[in-house]
Amino acid sequence: MALRRVRGMLLRLVRRRALAIAVGLALVIPAAWIEFSGRFDAWWMEGLALVVGATGLAILWTGLTGVAPDWVDDET
């Protein structure tokens, strides 16, 4: 049940483009700082930074380009 709520929140987030851009940047900037600063040598922090950064980039890109349609009808 909790997974459905998280999925619903994510779907509502990407529909609001400005909020998606803000959340994407909020995830990408700290992840990039952790990844490129070299201050953190723990393997799990670098892995977590990669996952959070990739998620942030995906949300940011969706906010910039908009949501793609599920299908396209060729019968025109």
PDB file of N, CA and C in Angstrom:
ATOM      1  N   MET A   1       0.820  -1.185   0.000  1.00  0.00           N
ATOM      2  CA  MET A   1       0.000   0.000   0.000  1.00  0.00           C
ATOM      3  C   MET A   1       0.869   1.256   0.000  1.00  0.00           C
ATOM      4  N   ALA A   2       1.964   1.259   0.736  1.00  0.00           N
ATOM      5  CA  ALA A   2       2.824   2.441   0.800  1.00  0.00           C
ATOM      6  C   ALA A   2       3.496   2.706  -0.547  1.00  0.00           C
ATOM      7  N   LEU A   3       3.796   1.635  -1.285  1.00  0.00           N
ATOM      8  CA  LEU A   3       4.424   1.805  -2.591  1.00  0.00           C
ATOM      9  C   LEU A   3       3.481   2.497  -3.567  1.00  0.00           C
ATOM     10  N   ARG A   4       2.198   2.231  -3.460  1.00  0.00           N
ATOM     11  CA  ARG A   4       1.212   2.907  -4.312  1.00  0.00           C
ATOM     12  C   ARG A   4       1.161   4.398  -4.010  1.00  0.00           C
ATOM     13  N   ARG A   5       1.254   4.735  -2.747  1.00  0.00           N
ATOM     14  CA  ARG A   5       1.223   6.157  -2.365  1.00  0.00           C
ATOM     15  C   ARG A   5       2.460   6.892  -2.876  1.00  0.00           C
ATOM     16  N   VAL A   6       3.614   6.248  -2.793  1.00  0.00           N
ATOM     17  CA  VAL A   6       4.844   6.865  -3.289  1.00  0.00           C
ATOM     18  C   VAL A   6       4.765   7.039  -4.804  1.00  0.00           C
ATOM     19  N   ARG A   7       4.247   6.038  -5.488  1.00  0.00           N
ATOM     20  CA  ARG A   7       4.088   6.123  -6.942  1.00  0.00           C
ATOM     21  C   ARG A   7       3.128   7.243  -7.314  1.00  0.00           C
ATOM     22  N   GLY A   8       2.037   7.365  -6.593  1.00  0.00           N
ATOM     23  CA  GLY A   8       1.078   8.434  -6.851  1.00  0.00           C
ATOM     24  C   GLY A   8       1.670   9.808  -6.602  1.00  0.00           C
ATOM     25  N   MET A   9       2.451   9.932  -5.538  1.00  0.00           N
ATOM     26  CA  MET A   9       3.103  11.213  -5.259  1.00  0.00           C
ATOM     27  C   MET A   9       4.090  11.574  -6.361  1.00  0.00           C
ATOM     28  N   LEU A  10       4.827  10.586  -6.852  1.00  0.00           N
ATOM     29  CA  LEU A  10       5.788  10.833  -7.918  1.00  0.00           C
ATOM     30  C   LEU A  10       5.087  11.235  -9.211  1.00  0.00           C
ATOM     31  N   LEU A  11       3.980  10.576  -9.524  1.00  0.00           N
ATOM     32  CA  LEU A  11       3.230  10.926 -10.731  1.00  0.00           C
ATOM     33  C   LEU A  11       2.635  12.326 -10.637  1.00  0.00           C
ATOM     34  N   ARG A  12       2.149  12.702  -9.456  1.00  0.00           N
ATOM     35  CA  ARG A  12       1.631  14.064  -9.289  1.00  0.00           C
ATOM     36  C   ARG A  12       2.758  15.090  -9.338  1.00  0.00           C
ATOM     37  N   LEU A  13       3.940  14.719  -8.865  1.00  0.00           N
ATOM     38  CA  LEU A  13       5.083  15.628  -8.879  1.00  0.00           C
ATOM     39  C   LEU A  13       5.499  15.970 -10.303  1.00  0.00           C
ATOM     40  N   VAL A  14       5.607  14.969 -11.170  1.00  0.00           N
ATOM     41  CA  VAL A  14       6.102  15.241 -12.518  1.00  0.00           C
ATOM     42  C   VAL A  14       5.078  15.984 -13.368  1.00  0.00           C
ATOM     43  N   ARG A  15       3.822  16.005 -12.964  1.00  0.00           N
ATOM     44  CA  ARG A  15       2.818  16.801 -13.682  1.00  0.00           C
ATOM     45  C   ARG A  15       3.001  18.290 -13.428  1.00  0.00           C
ATOM     46  N   ARG A  16       3.534  18.645 -12.278  1.00  0.00           N
ATOM     47  CA  ARG A  16       3.812  20.049 -11.952  1.00  0.00           C
ATOM     48  C   ARG A  16       5.251  20.337 -12.345  1.00  0.00           C
ATOM     49  N   ARG A  17       5.425  20.968 -13.488  1.00  0.00           N
ATOM     50  CA  ARG A  17       6.753  21.100 -14.081  1.00  0.00           C
ATOM     51  C   ARG A  17       7.702  21.947 -13.240  1.00  0.00           C
ATOM     52  N   ALA A  18       7.243  23.064 -12.718  1.00  0.00           N
ATOM     53  CA  ALA A  18       8.133  23.929 -11.927  1.00  0.00           C
ATOM     54  C   ALA A  18       8.585  23.222 -10.650  1.00  0.00           C
ATOM     55  N   LEU A  19       7.668  22.514 -10.016  1.00  0.00           N
ATOM     56  CA  LEU A  19       8.018  21.776  -8.803  1.00  0.00           C
ATOM     57  C   LEU A  19       8.971  20.624  -9.124  1.00  0.00           C
ATOM     58  N   ALA A  20       8.765  19.967 -10.266  1.00  0.00           N
ATOM     59  CA  ALA A  20       9.656  18.878 -10.668  1.00  0.00           C
ATOM     60  C   ALA A  20      11.069  19.393 -10.920  1.00  0.00           C
ATOM     61  N   ILE A  21      11.182  20.567 -11.525  1.00  0.00           N
ATOM     62  CA  ILE A  21      12.503  21.151 -11.758  1.00  0.00           C
ATOM     63  C   ILE A  21      13.171  21.481 -10.428  1.00  0.00           C
ATOM     64  N   ALA A  22      12.421  22.057  -9.505  1.00  0.00           N
ATOM     65  CA  ALA A  22      12.984  22.418  -8.197  1.00  0.00           C
ATOM     66  C   ALA A  22      13.422  21.184  -7.416  1.00  0.00           C
ATOM     67  N   VAL A  23      12.596  20.151  -7.402  1.00  0.00           N
ATOM     68  CA  VAL A  23      12.949  18.917  -6.682  1.00  0.00           C
ATOM     69  C   VAL A  23      14.131  18.227  -7.358  1.00  0.00           C
ATOM     70  N   GLY A  24      14.146  18.213  -8.682  1.00  0.00           N
ATOM     71  CA  GLY A  24      15.267  17.621  -9.405  1.00  0.00           C
ATOM     72  C   GLY A  24      16.581  18.310  -9.086  1.00  0.00           C
ATOM     73  N   LEU A  25      16.565  19.638  -9.084  1.00  0.00           N
ATOM     74  CA  LEU A  25      17.782  20.376  -8.727  1.00  0.00           C
ATOM     75  C   LEU A  25      18.172  20.150  -7.274  1.00  0.00           C
ATOM     76  N   ALA A  26      17.171  20.054  -6.394  1.00  0.00           N
ATOM     77  CA  ALA A  26      17.453  19.813  -4.975  1.00  0.00           C
ATOM     78  C   ALA A  26      18.093  18.443  -4.755  1.00  0.00           C
ATOM     79  N   LEU A  27      17.849  17.502  -5.632  1.00  0.00           N
ATOM     80  CA  LEU A  27      18.480  16.186  -5.523  1.00  0.00           C
ATOM     81  C   LEU A  27      19.832  16.143  -6.232  1.00  0.00           C
ATOM     82  N   VAL A  28      19.943  16.811  -7.372  1.00  0.00           N
ATOM     83  CA  VAL A  28      21.158  16.725  -8.182  1.00  0.00           C
ATOM     84  C   VAL A  28      22.322  17.492  -7.562  1.00  0.00           C
ATOM     85  N   ILE A  29      22.068  18.687  -7.057  1.00  0.00           N
ATOM     86  CA  ILE A  29      23.168  19.531  -6.578  1.00  0.00           C
ATOM     87  C   ILE A  29      23.931  18.898  -5.410  1.00  0.00           C
ATOM     88  N   PRO A  30      23.276  18.421  -4.344  1.00  0.00           N
ATOM     89  CA  PRO A  30      24.060  17.771  -3.276  1.00  0.00           C
ATOM     90  C   PRO A  30      24.720  16.470  -3.728  1.00  0.00           C
ATOM     91  N   ALA A  31      24.050  15.727  -4.617  1.00  0.00           N
ATOM     92  CA  ALA A  31      24.642  14.480  -5.098  1.00  0.00           C
ATOM     93  C   ALA A  31      25.902  14.759  -5.905  1.00  0.00           C
ATOM     94  N   ALA A  32      25.871  15.788  -6.738  1.00  0.00           N
ATOM     95  CA  ALA A  32      27.059  16.149  -7.514  1.00  0.00           C
ATOM     96  C   ALA A  32      28.171  16.650  -6.597  1.00  0.00           C
ATOM     97  N   TRP A  33      27.809  17.383  -5.561  1.00  0.00           N
ATOM     98  CA  TRP A  33      28.814  17.877  -4.626  1.00  0.00           C
ATOM     99  C   TRP A  33      29.504  16.719  -3.906  1.00  0.00           C
ATOM    100  N   ILE A  34      28.728  15.744  -3.476  1.00  0.00           N
ATOM    101  CA  ILE A  34      29.309  14.574  -2.804  1.00  0.00           C
ATOM    102  C   ILE A  34      30.180  13.787  -3.774  1.00  0.00           C
ATOM    103  N   GLU A  35      29.719  13.645  -5.005  1.00  0.00           N
ATOM    104  CA  GLU A  35      30.434  12.836  -5.985  1.00  0.00           C
ATOM    105  C   GLU A  35      31.742  13.490  -6.435  1.00  0.00           C
ATOM    106  N   PHE A  36      31.740  14.796  -6.639  1.00  0.00           N
ATOM    107  CA  PHE A  36      32.904  15.458  -7.230  1.00  0.00           C
ATOM    108  C   PHE A  36      33.821  16.151  -6.227  1.00  0.00           C
ATOM    109  N   SER A  37      33.387  16.325  -4.989  1.00  0.00           N
ATOM    110  CA  SER A  37      34.228  17.050  -4.037  1.00  0.00           C
ATOM    111  C   SER A  37      35.410  16.216  -3.557  1.00  0.00           C
ATOM    112  N   GLY A  38      35.256  14.920  -3.458  1.00  0.00           N
ATOM    113  CA  GLY A  38      36.341  14.069  -3.000  1.00  0.00           C
ATOM    114  C   GLY A  38      36.503  14.032  -1.493  1.00  0.00           C
ATOM    115  N   ARG A  39      35.599  14.645  -0.759  1.00  0.00           N
ATOM    116  CA  ARG A  39      35.699  14.654   0.701  1.00  0.00           C
ATOM    117  C   ARG A  39      35.168  13.371   1.328  1.00  0.00           C
ATOM    118  N   PHE A  40      34.289  12.707   0.647  1.00  0.00           N
ATOM    119  CA  PHE A  40      33.637  11.524   1.203  1.00  0.00           C
ATOM    120  C   PHE A  40      34.179  10.293   0.494  1.00  0.00           C
ATOM    121  N   ASP A  41      34.828   9.415   1.258  1.00  0.00           N
ATOM    122  CA  ASP A  41      35.451   8.239   0.662  1.00  0.00           C
ATOM    123  C   ASP A  41      34.684   6.954   0.923  1.00  0.00           C
ATOM    124  N   ALA A  42      33.575   7.035   1.620  1.00  0.00           N
ATOM    125  CA  ALA A  42      32.806   5.825   1.895  1.00  0.00           C
ATOM    126  C   ALA A  42      32.134   5.347   0.607  1.00  0.00           C
ATOM    127  N   TRP A  43      32.237   4.076   0.329  1.00  0.00           N
ATOM    128  CA  TRP A  43      31.694   3.533  -0.909  1.00  0.00           C
ATOM    129  C   TRP A  43      30.183   3.679  -0.977  1.00  0.00           C
ATOM    130  N   TRP A  44      29.524   3.562   0.184  1.00  0.00           N
ATOM    131  CA  TRP A  44      28.067   3.632   0.179  1.00  0.00           C
ATOM    132  C   TRP A  44      27.582   5.059  -0.062  1.00  0.00           C
ATOM    133  N   MET A  45      28.368   6.057   0.342  1.00  0.00           N
ATOM    134  CA  MET A  45      27.970   7.445   0.084  1.00  0.00           C
ATOM    135  C   MET A  45      28.095   7.786  -1.393  1.00  0.00           C
ATOM    136  N   GLU A  46      29.123   7.270  -2.033  1.00  0.00           N
ATOM    137  CA  GLU A  46      29.272   7.504  -3.466  1.00  0.00           C
ATOM    138  C   GLU A  46      28.169   6.800  -4.250  1.00  0.00           C
ATOM    139  N   GLY A  47      27.822   5.591  -3.843  1.00  0.00           N
ATOM    140  CA  GLY A  47      26.731   4.876  -4.500  1.00  0.00           C
ATOM    141  C   GLY A  47      25.393   5.555  -4.294  1.00  0.00           C
ATOM    142  N   LEU A  48      25.149   6.000  -3.074  1.00  0.00           N
ATOM    143  CA  LEU A  48      23.907   6.715  -2.782  1.00  0.00           C
ATOM    144  C   LEU A  48      23.841   8.029  -3.551  1.00  0.00           C
ATOM    145  N   ALA A  49      24.972   8.712  -3.680  1.00  0.00           N
ATOM    146  CA  ALA A  49      25.007   9.959  -4.445  1.00  0.00           C
ATOM    147  C   ALA A  49      24.696   9.705  -5.916  1.00  0.00           C
ATOM    148  N   LEU A  50      25.172   8.594  -6.460  1.00  0.00           N
ATOM    149  CA  LEU A  50      24.864   8.263  -7.849  1.00  0.00           C
ATOM    150  C   LEU A  50      23.380   7.985  -8.046  1.00  0.00           C
ATOM    151  N   VAL A  51      22.784   7.229  -7.139  1.00  0.00           N
ATOM    152  CA  VAL A  51      21.361   6.901  -7.256  1.00  0.00           C
ATOM    153  C   VAL A  51      20.501   8.150  -7.092  1.00  0.00           C
ATOM    154  N   VAL A  52      20.804   8.956  -6.085  1.00  0.00           N
ATOM    155  CA  VAL A  52      20.029  10.183  -5.851  1.00  0.00           C
ATOM    156  C   VAL A  52      20.232  11.165  -6.999  1.00  0.00           C
ATOM    157  N   GLY A  53      21.452  11.267  -7.498  1.00  0.00           N
ATOM    158  CA  GLY A  53      21.716  12.160  -8.626  1.00  0.00           C
ATOM    159  C   GLY A  53      21.002  11.732  -9.890  1.00  0.00           C
ATOM    160  N   ALA A  54      20.986  10.439 -10.170  1.00  0.00           N
ATOM    161  CA  ALA A  54      20.285   9.947 -11.356  1.00  0.00           C
ATOM    162  C   ALA A  54      18.781  10.155 -11.233  1.00  0.00           C
ATOM    163  N   THR A  55      18.243   9.936 -10.046  1.00  0.00           N
ATOM    164  CA  THR A  55      16.821  10.187  -9.823  1.00  0.00           C
ATOM    165  C   THR A  55      16.502  11.665  -9.995  1.00  0.00           C
ATOM    166  N   GLY A  56      17.353  12.515  -9.459  1.00  0.00           N
ATOM    167  CA  GLY A  56      17.159  13.950  -9.607  1.00  0.00           C
ATOM    168  C   GLY A  56      17.238  14.398 -11.052  1.00  0.00           C
ATOM    169  N   LEU A  57      18.191  13.837 -11.809  1.00  0.00           N
ATOM    170  CA  LEU A  57      18.287  14.174 -13.226  1.00  0.00           C
ATOM    171  C   LEU A  57      17.056  13.728 -14.000  1.00  0.00           C
ATOM    172  N   ALA A  58      16.530  12.556 -13.680  1.00  0.00           N
ATOM    173  CA  ALA A  58      15.327  12.073 -14.362  1.00  0.00           C
ATOM    174  C   ALA A  58      14.134  12.980 -14.071  1.00  0.00           C
ATOM    175  N   ILE A  59      13.975  13.384 -12.820  1.00  0.00           N
ATOM    176  CA  ILE A  59      12.868  14.278 -12.462  1.00  0.00           C
ATOM    177  C   ILE A  59      13.080  15.649 -13.088  1.00  0.00           C
ATOM    178  N   LEU A  60      14.313  16.142 -13.083  1.00  0.00           N
ATOM    179  CA  LEU A  60      14.625  17.433 -13.696  1.00  0.00           C
ATOM    180  C   LEU A  60      14.336  17.408 -15.194  1.00  0.00           C
ATOM    181  N   TRP A  61      14.740  16.355 -15.876  1.00  0.00           N
ATOM    182  CA  TRP A  61      14.512  16.242 -17.317  1.00  0.00           C
ATOM    183  C   TRP A  61      13.019  16.169 -17.629  1.00  0.00           C
ATOM    184  N   THR A  62      12.276  15.442 -16.818  1.00  0.00           N
ATOM    185  CA  THR A  62      10.831  15.370 -17.018  1.00  0.00           C
ATOM    186  C   THR A  62      10.196  16.733 -16.796  1.00  0.00           C
ATOM    187  N   GLY A  63      10.695  17.490 -15.838  1.00  0.00           N
ATOM    188  CA  GLY A  63      10.183  18.833 -15.614  1.00  0.00           C
ATOM    189  C   GLY A  63      10.493  19.768 -16.764  1.00  0.00           C
ATOM    190  N   LEU A  64      11.650  19.602 -17.389  1.00  0.00           N
ATOM    191  CA  LEU A  64      12.032  20.464 -18.501  1.00  0.00           C
ATOM    192  C   LEU A  64      11.295  20.118 -19.791  1.00  0.00           C
ATOM    193  N   THR A  65      11.124  18.834 -20.072  1.00  0.00           N
ATOM    194  CA  THR A  65      10.550  18.418 -21.354  1.00  0.00           C
ATOM    195  C   THR A  65       9.069  18.095 -21.282  1.00  0.00           C
ATOM    196  N   GLY A  66       8.546  17.864 -20.103  1.00  0.00           N
ATOM    197  CA  GLY A  66       7.144  17.490 -19.972  1.00  0.00           C
ATOM    198  C   GLY A  66       6.977  15.977 -20.010  1.00  0.00           C
ATOM    199  N   VAL A  67       5.795  15.545 -19.661  1.00  0.00           N
ATOM    200  CA  VAL A  67       5.503  14.118 -19.610  1.00  0.00           C
ATOM    201  C   VAL A  67       5.190  13.623 -21.017  1.00  0.00           C
ATOM    202  N   ALA A  68       5.791  12.516 -21.416  1.00  0.00           N
ATOM    203  CA  ALA A  68       5.542  11.930 -22.733  1.00  0.00           C
ATOM    204  C   ALA A  68       4.226  11.152 -22.709  1.00  0.00           C
ATOM    205  N   PRO A  69       3.522  11.105 -23.835  1.00  0.00           N
ATOM    206  CA  PRO A  69       2.284  10.324 -23.870  1.00  0.00           C
ATOM    207  C   PRO A  69       2.577   8.828 -23.767  1.00  0.00           C
ATOM    208  N   ASP A  70       1.593   8.080 -23.284  1.00  0.00           N
ATOM    209  CA  ASP A  70       1.756   6.636 -23.145  1.00  0.00           C
ATOM    210  C   ASP A  70       1.809   5.937 -24.498  1.00  0.00           C
ATOM    211  N   TRP A  71       1.036   6.425 -25.460  1.00  0.00           N
ATOM    212  CA  TRP A  71       1.031   5.843 -26.789  1.00  0.00           C
ATOM    213  C   TRP A  71       0.657   6.920 -27.793  1.00  0.00           C
ATOM    214  N   VAL A  72       0.931   6.619 -29.061  1.00  0.00           N
ATOM    215  CA  VAL A  72       0.597   7.536 -30.148  1.00  0.00           C
ATOM    216  C   VAL A  72      -0.225   6.758 -31.156  1.00  0.00           C
ATOM    217  N   ASP A  73      -1.406   7.271 -31.498  1.00  0.00           N
ATOM    218  CA  ASP A  73      -2.252   6.619 -32.496  1.00  0.00           C
ATOM    219  C   ASP A  73      -1.776   6.997 -33.894  1.00  0.00           C
ATOM    220  N   ASP A  74      -1.590   5.989 -34.744  1.00  0.00           N
ATOM    221  CA  ASP A  74      -1.153   6.227 -36.117  1.00  0.00           C
ATOM    222  C   ASP A  74      -2.326   6.331 -37.084  1.00  0.00           C
ATOM    223  N   GLU A  75      -3.543   6.250 -36.602  1.00  0.00           N
ATOM    224  CA  GLU A  75      -4.733   6.257 -37.460  1.00  0.00           C
ATOM    225  C   GLU A  75      -5.232   7.680 -37.714  1.00  0.00           C
ATOM    226  N   THR A  76      -4.464   8.493 -38.358  1.00  0.00           N
ATOM    227  CA  THR A  76      -4.911   9.862 -38.626  1.00  0.00           C
ATOM    228  C   THR A  76      -5.200  10.105 -40.062  1.00  0.00           C
TER     229      THR A  76
END
